[in-house]
Amino acid sequence: MPSAAPERGFGLIEVLVTLLVLSVGLLGVAGVHLRGIESSRMGYHRSHAVWIATELAERMRANRDGVANGCYESRMVDHAVTATATYGADCGSGAEGRAVADADLADVEAALRSDPPPLPGGRVTVSCPDLASDCTIIVDWQHDNPDSLDASQYVLAVRFF
């Protein structure tokens, strides 16, 4: 009696197992790719926050009269509302450096409101309690991913005098 020829080719089970393994692998690659995109976006936001804070600090360093007169004290710039104008006691309407301080904060506000916004929900807060202590520039924003553990705030402390 003739023996049956051995079967050649792939069976349906082998094909299904291969497709399952391949699809799980591709899902893993897609997940890693999405995590990389999210990390890149968070890095972009953080670098923009650093740029805004250091740019404002350099402008404040150039406007020593405005810092000395308290024209940057307790100032906040938000992406959605106009800058709040809370001036220090010595920063009257004709004070040295007030116009420059107002222009500096208007530029920061324009940077936060640009389209597309570099920092979603961005806000810059400046606090200069007195000349002997550090001025603090805080830039914070909202993350696209609320579950992220990465802080959405950058704090820069600068002493001008």
N, C-alpha and C. Protein backbone atom coordinates (compact mmCIF):
# COMPACT_ATOMS: atom_id res chain seq x y z
N MET A 1 0.81 -1.15 0.00
CA MET A 1 0.00 0.00 0.00
C MET A 1 0.88 1.24 0.00
N PRO A 2 0.51 2.16 -0.86
CA PRO A 2 1.36 3.34 -0.92
C PRO A 2 1.15 4.21 0.32
N SER A 3 2.25 4.77 0.81
CA SER A 3 2.14 5.65 1.98
C SER A 3 1.76 7.06 1.53
N ALA A 4 1.08 7.75 2.42
CA ALA A 4 0.62 9.10 2.09
C ALA A 4 1.83 10.04 2.07
N ALA A 5 1.80 10.94 1.14
CA ALA A 5 2.90 11.91 1.04
C ALA A 5 2.80 12.89 2.20
N PRO A 6 3.92 13.28 2.77
CA PRO A 6 3.86 14.24 3.88
C PRO A 6 3.28 15.57 3.39
N GLU A 7 2.50 16.17 4.26
CA GLU A 7 1.88 17.43 3.90
C GLU A 7 2.92 18.54 3.95
N ARG A 8 2.77 19.47 3.03
CA ARG A 8 3.67 20.59 3.00
C ARG A 8 2.86 21.87 3.10
N GLY A 9 3.51 22.95 3.54
CA GLY A 9 2.81 24.22 3.68
C GLY A 9 2.44 24.48 5.13
N PHE A 10 1.68 25.51 5.32
CA PHE A 10 1.29 25.92 6.67
C PHE A 10 -0.16 25.54 6.91
N GLY A 11 -0.41 25.18 8.15
CA GLY A 11 -1.78 24.90 8.54
C GLY A 11 -2.44 26.18 9.04
N LEU A 12 -3.73 26.14 9.16
CA LEU A 12 -4.48 27.31 9.61
C LEU A 12 -4.08 27.73 11.02
N ILE A 13 -3.81 26.79 11.89
CA ILE A 13 -3.42 27.11 13.27
C ILE A 13 -2.11 27.88 13.28
N GLU A 14 -1.13 27.44 12.50
CA GLU A 14 0.15 28.14 12.48
C GLU A 14 -0.01 29.57 11.97
N VAL A 15 -0.84 29.77 10.98
CA VAL A 15 -1.07 31.11 10.44
C VAL A 15 -1.73 32.00 11.49
N LEU A 16 -2.72 31.49 12.20
CA LEU A 16 -3.41 32.29 13.23
C LEU A 16 -2.47 32.64 14.38
N VAL A 17 -1.65 31.70 14.81
CA VAL A 17 -0.69 31.98 15.89
C VAL A 17 0.31 33.04 15.44
N THR A 18 0.78 32.94 14.21
CA THR A 18 1.71 33.93 13.68
C THR A 18 1.07 35.32 13.63
N LEU A 19 -0.17 35.40 13.18
CA LEU A 19 -0.88 36.68 13.14
C LEU A 19 -1.07 37.25 14.54
N LEU A 20 -1.37 36.41 15.51
CA LEU A 20 -1.55 36.87 16.89
C LEU A 20 -0.25 37.44 17.44
N VAL A 21 0.84 36.73 17.27
CA VAL A 21 2.14 37.20 17.77
C VAL A 21 2.55 38.49 17.07
N LEU A 22 2.34 38.56 15.77
CA LEU A 22 2.69 39.75 15.01
C LEU A 22 1.85 40.95 15.44
N SER A 23 0.56 40.76 15.66
CA SER A 23 -0.30 41.87 16.06
C SER A 23 0.05 42.38 17.45
N VAL A 24 0.38 41.49 18.38
CA VAL A 24 0.79 41.92 19.72
C VAL A 24 2.09 42.72 19.63
N GLY A 25 3.00 42.28 18.80
CA GLY A 25 4.26 43.02 18.60
C GLY A 25 4.03 44.39 18.01
N LEU A 26 3.16 44.49 17.02
CA LEU A 26 2.87 45.78 16.40
C LEU A 26 2.16 46.72 17.38
N LEU A 27 1.29 46.19 18.23
CA LEU A 27 0.66 47.03 19.25
C LEU A 27 1.71 47.58 20.22
N GLY A 28 2.68 46.76 20.57
CA GLY A 28 3.76 47.21 21.44
C GLY A 28 4.58 48.32 20.80
N VAL A 29 4.89 48.16 19.53
CA VAL A 29 5.64 49.19 18.80
C VAL A 29 4.84 50.48 18.73
N ALA A 30 3.54 50.39 18.48
CA ALA A 30 2.69 51.59 18.42
C ALA A 30 2.65 52.28 19.78
N GLY A 31 2.57 51.51 20.86
CA GLY A 31 2.56 52.10 22.20
C GLY A 31 3.86 52.83 22.51
N VAL A 32 4.97 52.24 22.14
CA VAL A 32 6.27 52.90 22.36
C VAL A 32 6.36 54.17 21.53
N HIS A 33 5.85 54.13 20.31
CA HIS A 33 5.87 55.31 19.45
C HIS A 33 5.01 56.43 20.04
N LEU A 34 3.82 56.11 20.53
CA LEU A 34 2.96 57.12 21.14
C LEU A 34 3.59 57.71 22.40
N ARG A 35 4.24 56.89 23.20
CA ARG A 35 4.92 57.39 24.40
C ARG A 35 6.06 58.34 24.01
N GLY A 36 6.75 58.03 22.94
CA GLY A 36 7.81 58.91 22.45
C GLY A 36 7.28 60.25 21.98
N ILE A 37 6.14 60.22 21.29
CA ILE A 37 5.52 61.47 20.84
C ILE A 37 5.10 62.31 22.04
N GLU A 38 4.50 61.68 23.05
CA GLU A 38 4.08 62.40 24.25
C GLU A 38 5.28 63.00 24.98
N SER A 39 6.35 62.25 25.10
CA SER A 39 7.56 62.77 25.76
C SER A 39 8.15 63.93 24.98
N SER A 40 8.11 63.84 23.68
CA SER A 40 8.62 64.93 22.84
C SER A 40 7.80 66.20 23.05
N ARG A 41 6.48 66.06 23.13
CA ARG A 41 5.61 67.22 23.34
C ARG A 41 5.85 67.83 24.72
N MET A 42 6.03 66.99 25.74
CA MET A 42 6.30 67.51 27.09
C MET A 42 7.65 68.22 27.12
N GLY A 43 8.63 67.69 26.41
CA GLY A 43 9.93 68.36 26.32
C GLY A 43 9.83 69.70 25.61
N TYR A 44 9.01 69.75 24.58
CA TYR A 44 8.78 71.01 23.87
C TYR A 44 8.16 72.05 24.81
N HIS A 45 7.16 71.64 25.58
CA HIS A 45 6.53 72.57 26.52
C HIS A 45 7.52 73.05 27.56
N ARG A 46 8.31 72.13 28.11
CA ARG A 46 9.28 72.50 29.13
C ARG A 46 10.34 73.45 28.57
N SER A 47 10.83 73.19 27.37
CA SER A 47 11.84 74.08 26.79
C SER A 47 11.26 75.46 26.50
N HIS A 48 9.99 75.52 26.12
CA HIS A 48 9.35 76.82 25.91
C HIS A 48 9.20 77.57 27.24
N ALA A 49 8.87 76.85 28.30
CA ALA A 49 8.75 77.49 29.61
C ALA A 49 10.10 78.04 30.06
N VAL A 50 11.16 77.28 29.85
CA VAL A 50 12.50 77.75 30.21
C VAL A 50 12.85 78.98 29.39
N TRP A 51 12.53 78.97 28.11
CA TRP A 51 12.83 80.12 27.25
C TRP A 51 12.08 81.36 27.73
N ILE A 52 10.79 81.22 28.04
CA ILE A 52 10.00 82.38 28.47
C ILE A 52 10.55 82.93 29.78
N ALA A 53 10.87 82.06 30.74
CA ALA A 53 11.38 82.52 32.04
C ALA A 53 12.74 83.20 31.90
N THR A 54 13.64 82.62 31.14
CA THR A 54 14.96 83.23 31.01
C THR A 54 14.91 84.51 30.19
N GLU A 55 14.04 84.56 29.19
CA GLU A 55 13.88 85.79 28.41
C GLU A 55 13.37 86.92 29.30
N LEU A 56 12.37 86.63 30.13
CA LEU A 56 11.86 87.65 31.04
C LEU A 56 12.91 88.05 32.07
N ALA A 57 13.68 87.10 32.57
CA ALA A 57 14.74 87.41 33.54
C ALA A 57 15.79 88.33 32.91
N GLU A 58 16.15 88.08 31.67
CA GLU A 58 17.13 88.94 31.00
C GLU A 58 16.56 90.34 30.76
N ARG A 59 15.29 90.42 30.44
CA ARG A 59 14.67 91.74 30.27
C ARG A 59 14.62 92.48 31.61
N MET A 60 14.34 91.75 32.68
CA MET A 60 14.34 92.38 34.00
C MET A 60 15.75 92.83 34.38
N ARG A 61 16.75 92.03 34.04
CA ARG A 61 18.14 92.40 34.33
C ARG A 61 18.51 93.69 33.58
N ALA A 62 17.99 93.86 32.38
CA ALA A 62 18.26 95.07 31.60
C ALA A 62 17.48 96.27 32.13
N ASN A 63 16.41 96.04 32.86
CA ASN A 63 15.57 97.12 33.39
C ASN A 63 15.72 97.16 34.92
N ARG A 64 16.91 97.43 35.38
CA ARG A 64 17.17 97.44 36.83
C ARG A 64 16.31 98.47 37.56
N ASP A 65 16.04 99.61 36.92
CA ASP A 65 15.19 100.61 37.57
C ASP A 65 13.79 100.06 37.80
N GLY A 66 13.27 99.34 36.83
CA GLY A 66 11.94 98.75 36.98
C GLY A 66 11.90 97.72 38.09
N VAL A 67 12.96 96.92 38.22
CA VAL A 67 13.03 95.94 39.31
C VAL A 67 13.16 96.65 40.64
N ALA A 68 14.05 97.66 40.71
CA ALA A 68 14.28 98.39 41.96
C ALA A 68 13.02 99.12 42.42
N ASN A 69 12.22 99.61 41.48
CA ASN A 69 11.00 100.34 41.84
C ASN A 69 9.80 99.42 42.05
N GLY A 70 9.99 98.12 41.88
CA GLY A 70 8.90 97.17 42.12
C GLY A 70 7.90 97.06 40.99
N CYS A 71 8.31 97.41 39.77
CA CYS A 71 7.38 97.39 38.64
C CYS A 71 7.09 95.98 38.13
N TYR A 72 7.86 95.00 38.57
CA TYR A 72 7.59 93.61 38.19
C TYR A 72 6.96 92.84 39.35
N GLU A 73 6.86 93.47 40.50
CA GLU A 73 6.41 92.79 41.71
C GLU A 73 4.98 92.29 41.58
N SER A 74 4.76 91.05 41.96
CA SER A 74 3.43 90.43 41.99
C SER A 74 2.69 90.57 40.67
N ARG A 75 3.37 90.32 39.57
CA ARG A 75 2.73 90.42 38.26
C ARG A 75 2.39 89.04 37.75
N MET A 76 1.27 88.91 37.06
CA MET A 76 0.86 87.64 36.48
C MET A 76 0.40 87.86 35.04
N VAL A 77 0.85 86.99 34.16
CA VAL A 77 0.42 87.02 32.76
C VAL A 77 -0.20 85.67 32.46
N ASP A 78 -1.42 85.68 31.94
CA ASP A 78 -2.14 84.44 31.65
C ASP A 78 -2.42 84.39 30.15
N HIS A 79 -2.53 83.18 29.62
CA HIS A 79 -2.82 83.04 28.19
C HIS A 79 -4.22 83.51 27.84
N ALA A 80 -5.13 83.54 28.81
CA ALA A 80 -6.53 83.82 28.52
C ALA A 80 -6.98 85.22 28.92
N VAL A 81 -6.30 85.82 29.88
CA VAL A 81 -6.73 87.13 30.37
C VAL A 81 -5.58 88.13 30.22
N THR A 82 -5.92 89.39 30.31
CA THR A 82 -4.90 90.43 30.21
C THR A 82 -4.05 90.44 31.48
N ALA A 83 -2.81 90.87 31.35
CA ALA A 83 -1.88 90.89 32.48
C ALA A 83 -2.45 91.72 33.61
N THR A 84 -2.35 91.20 34.83
CA THR A 84 -2.79 91.96 35.99
C THR A 84 -1.70 92.96 36.35
N ALA A 85 -2.10 94.16 36.64
CA ALA A 85 -1.14 95.23 36.93
C ALA A 85 -1.15 95.54 38.42
N THR A 86 -0.37 94.80 39.17
CA THR A 86 -0.18 95.09 40.59
C THR A 86 1.24 95.59 40.73
N TYR A 87 1.39 96.87 41.00
CA TYR A 87 2.72 97.45 41.06
C TYR A 87 3.17 97.56 42.51
N GLY A 88 4.49 97.63 42.67
CA GLY A 88 5.06 97.85 43.99
C GLY A 88 4.80 99.28 44.44
N ALA A 89 5.08 99.56 45.69
CA ALA A 89 4.80 100.87 46.26
C ALA A 89 5.55 102.00 45.55
N ASP A 90 6.74 101.73 45.05
CA ASP A 90 7.56 102.77 44.41
C ASP A 90 7.35 102.86 42.91
N CYS A 91 6.46 102.07 42.36
CA CYS A 91 6.26 102.05 40.91
C CYS A 91 5.01 102.85 40.56
N GLY A 92 5.11 104.17 40.68
CA GLY A 92 4.00 105.04 40.33
C GLY A 92 3.90 105.18 38.82
N SER A 93 2.97 106.02 38.38
CA SER A 93 2.73 106.14 36.94
C SER A 93 3.93 106.69 36.19
N GLY A 94 4.77 107.49 36.83
CA GLY A 94 5.94 108.05 36.14
C GLY A 94 7.23 107.40 36.58
N ALA A 95 7.17 106.27 37.24
CA ALA A 95 8.38 105.64 37.78
C ALA A 95 9.30 105.17 36.67
N GLU A 96 10.61 105.27 36.97
CA GLU A 96 11.61 104.77 36.03
C GLU A 96 11.41 103.27 35.80
N GLY A 97 11.37 102.88 34.58
CA GLY A 97 11.29 101.46 34.25
C GLY A 97 9.89 100.89 34.16
N ARG A 98 8.86 101.66 34.51
CA ARG A 98 7.50 101.10 34.47
C ARG A 98 7.05 100.80 33.04
N ALA A 99 7.31 101.73 32.13
CA ALA A 99 6.90 101.51 30.74
C ALA A 99 7.62 100.30 30.15
N VAL A 100 8.89 100.14 30.49
CA VAL A 100 9.65 99.00 29.98
C VAL A 100 9.11 97.71 30.58
N ALA A 101 8.79 97.72 31.88
CA ALA A 101 8.23 96.53 32.53
C ALA A 101 6.89 96.16 31.90
N ASP A 102 6.06 97.16 31.63
CA ASP A 102 4.78 96.88 30.98
C ASP A 102 4.99 96.29 29.58
N ALA A 103 5.96 96.82 28.84
CA ALA A 103 6.24 96.30 27.50
C ALA A 103 6.79 94.87 27.57
N ASP A 104 7.65 94.61 28.56
CA ASP A 104 8.21 93.26 28.73
C ASP A 104 7.10 92.25 28.98
N LEU A 105 6.19 92.59 29.88
CA LEU A 105 5.11 91.66 30.20
C LEU A 105 4.10 91.54 29.06
N ALA A 106 3.94 92.61 28.28
CA ALA A 106 3.07 92.52 27.10
C ALA A 106 3.68 91.56 26.06
N ASP A 107 5.01 91.57 25.94
CA ASP A 107 5.67 90.64 25.02
C ASP A 107 5.50 89.20 25.49
N VAL A 108 5.61 88.97 26.80
CA VAL A 108 5.40 87.63 27.35
C VAL A 108 3.97 87.18 27.09
N GLU A 109 3.03 88.09 27.30
CA GLU A 109 1.62 87.78 27.06
C GLU A 109 1.38 87.44 25.59
N ALA A 110 2.01 88.18 24.69
CA ALA A 110 1.87 87.90 23.26
C ALA A 110 2.46 86.53 22.91
N ALA A 111 3.56 86.17 23.56
CA ALA A 111 4.16 84.85 23.32
C ALA A 111 3.24 83.74 23.80
N LEU A 112 2.56 83.95 24.93
CA LEU A 112 1.64 82.94 25.44
C LEU A 112 0.39 82.81 24.58
N ARG A 113 0.00 83.90 23.93
CA ARG A 113 -1.23 83.89 23.13
C ARG A 113 -0.99 83.59 21.66
N SER A 114 0.24 83.31 21.29
CA SER A 114 0.51 83.03 19.88
C SER A 114 -0.26 81.79 19.44
N ASP A 115 -0.41 81.64 18.13
CA ASP A 115 -1.20 80.53 17.61
C ASP A 115 -0.31 79.64 16.77
N PRO A 116 -0.13 78.39 17.07
CA PRO A 116 -0.70 77.67 18.20
C PRO A 116 0.01 78.04 19.49
N PRO A 117 -0.70 77.96 20.61
CA PRO A 117 -0.08 78.36 21.87
C PRO A 117 1.08 77.42 22.23
N PRO A 118 2.24 77.99 22.57
CA PRO A 118 3.38 77.15 22.92
C PRO A 118 3.17 76.39 24.22
N LEU A 119 2.40 76.98 25.12
CA LEU A 119 2.11 76.33 26.39
C LEU A 119 0.60 76.33 26.59
N PRO A 120 -0.06 75.18 26.49
CA PRO A 120 -1.52 75.16 26.69
C PRO A 120 -1.87 75.57 28.11
N GLY A 121 -2.72 76.56 28.24
CA GLY A 121 -3.08 77.05 29.57
C GLY A 121 -1.93 77.74 30.26
N GLY A 122 -1.01 78.31 29.50
CA GLY A 122 0.20 78.90 30.08
C GLY A 122 -0.07 80.12 30.94
N ARG A 123 0.75 80.24 31.99
CA ARG A 123 0.65 81.38 32.91
C ARG A 123 2.04 81.68 33.44
N VAL A 124 2.37 82.96 33.54
CA VAL A 124 3.65 83.40 34.08
C VAL A 124 3.37 84.29 35.27
N THR A 125 4.01 83.99 36.39
CA THR A 125 3.86 84.78 37.60
C THR A 125 5.23 85.28 38.02
N VAL A 126 5.32 86.58 38.31
CA VAL A 126 6.58 87.18 38.74
C VAL A 126 6.39 87.71 40.15
N SER A 127 7.33 87.39 41.02
CA SER A 127 7.27 87.87 42.40
C SER A 127 8.66 88.35 42.81
N CYS A 128 8.74 89.63 43.14
CA CYS A 128 9.99 90.23 43.62
C CYS A 128 9.69 90.93 44.94
N PRO A 129 9.80 90.22 46.07
CA PRO A 129 9.40 90.82 47.34
C PRO A 129 10.24 92.03 47.74
N ASP A 130 11.55 91.95 47.60
CA ASP A 130 12.41 93.09 47.90
C ASP A 130 13.74 92.89 47.18
N LEU A 131 14.56 93.92 47.20
CA LEU A 131 15.81 93.86 46.45
C LEU A 131 16.82 92.90 47.04
N ALA A 132 16.70 92.60 48.33
CA ALA A 132 17.69 91.74 48.99
C ALA A 132 17.43 90.26 48.74
N SER A 133 16.25 89.92 48.25
CA SER A 133 15.93 88.50 48.04
C SER A 133 15.77 88.21 46.55
N ASP A 134 15.59 86.94 46.26
CA ASP A 134 15.45 86.50 44.87
C ASP A 134 14.11 86.91 44.28
N CYS A 135 14.12 87.24 43.01
CA CYS A 135 12.88 87.37 42.25
C CYS A 135 12.56 85.99 41.71
N THR A 136 11.31 85.62 41.77
CA THR A 136 10.88 84.30 41.31
C THR A 136 9.98 84.45 40.10
N ILE A 137 10.34 83.74 39.05
CA ILE A 137 9.52 83.69 37.83
C ILE A 137 9.00 82.27 37.72
N ILE A 138 7.68 82.12 37.76
CA ILE A 138 7.06 80.80 37.69
C ILE A 138 6.27 80.71 36.39
N VAL A 139 6.58 79.70 35.60
CA VAL A 139 5.84 79.44 34.37
C VAL A 139 5.15 78.10 34.55
N ASP A 140 3.83 78.08 34.46
CA ASP A 140 3.12 76.80 34.54
C ASP A 140 2.13 76.68 33.39
N TRP A 141 1.76 75.45 33.10
CA TRP A 141 0.90 75.14 31.97
C TRP A 141 0.16 73.85 32.25
N GLN A 142 -0.81 73.52 31.38
CA GLN A 142 -1.60 72.30 31.53
C GLN A 142 -1.06 71.25 30.58
N HIS A 143 -0.94 70.04 31.09
CA HIS A 143 -0.50 68.93 30.24
C HIS A 143 -1.66 68.42 29.42
N ASP A 144 -1.34 67.88 28.26
CA ASP A 144 -2.36 67.22 27.45
C ASP A 144 -2.83 65.94 28.14
N ASN A 145 -1.90 65.31 28.87
CA ASN A 145 -2.20 64.05 29.57
C ASN A 145 -2.25 64.33 31.07
N PRO A 146 -3.44 64.37 31.68
CA PRO A 146 -3.53 64.67 33.11
C PRO A 146 -2.93 63.59 34.00
N ASP A 147 -2.71 62.38 33.46
CA ASP A 147 -2.12 61.30 34.25
C ASP A 147 -0.60 61.36 34.30
N SER A 148 -0.02 62.31 33.60
CA SER A 148 1.43 62.40 33.52
C SER A 148 2.02 62.78 34.88
N LEU A 149 3.14 62.19 35.21
CA LEU A 149 3.82 62.50 36.47
C LEU A 149 4.77 63.68 36.32
N ASP A 150 5.01 64.12 35.10
CA ASP A 150 5.92 65.22 34.86
C ASP A 150 5.29 66.52 35.34
N ALA A 151 6.03 67.29 36.12
CA ALA A 151 5.51 68.55 36.64
C ALA A 151 5.29 69.53 35.49
N SER A 152 4.22 70.27 35.55
CA SER A 152 3.92 71.24 34.51
C SER A 152 4.21 72.65 35.02
N GLN A 153 5.36 72.80 35.65
CA GLN A 153 5.75 74.09 36.20
C GLN A 153 7.26 74.23 36.12
N TYR A 154 7.70 75.43 35.79
CA TYR A 154 9.12 75.74 35.79
C TYR A 154 9.31 76.97 36.66
N VAL A 155 10.23 76.90 37.61
CA VAL A 155 10.48 78.00 38.54
C VAL A 155 11.92 78.47 38.35
N LEU A 156 12.08 79.77 38.15
CA LEU A 156 13.40 80.37 38.01
C LEU A 156 13.56 81.44 39.08
N ALA A 157 14.55 81.29 39.93
CA ALA A 157 14.84 82.28 40.97
C ALA A 157 16.09 83.05 40.55
N VAL A 158 15.98 84.38 40.54
CA VAL A 158 17.06 85.24 40.07
C VAL A 158 17.29 86.36 41.08
N ARG A 159 18.55 86.66 41.34
CA ARG A 159 18.89 87.81 42.20
C ARG A 159 19.57 88.84 41.31
N PHE A 160 19.01 90.04 41.26
CA PHE A 160 19.52 91.08 40.37
C PHE A 160 20.51 92.01 41.03
N PHE A 161 20.43 92.16 42.34
CA PHE A 161 21.30 93.12 43.03
C PHE A 161 22.14 92.43 44.06
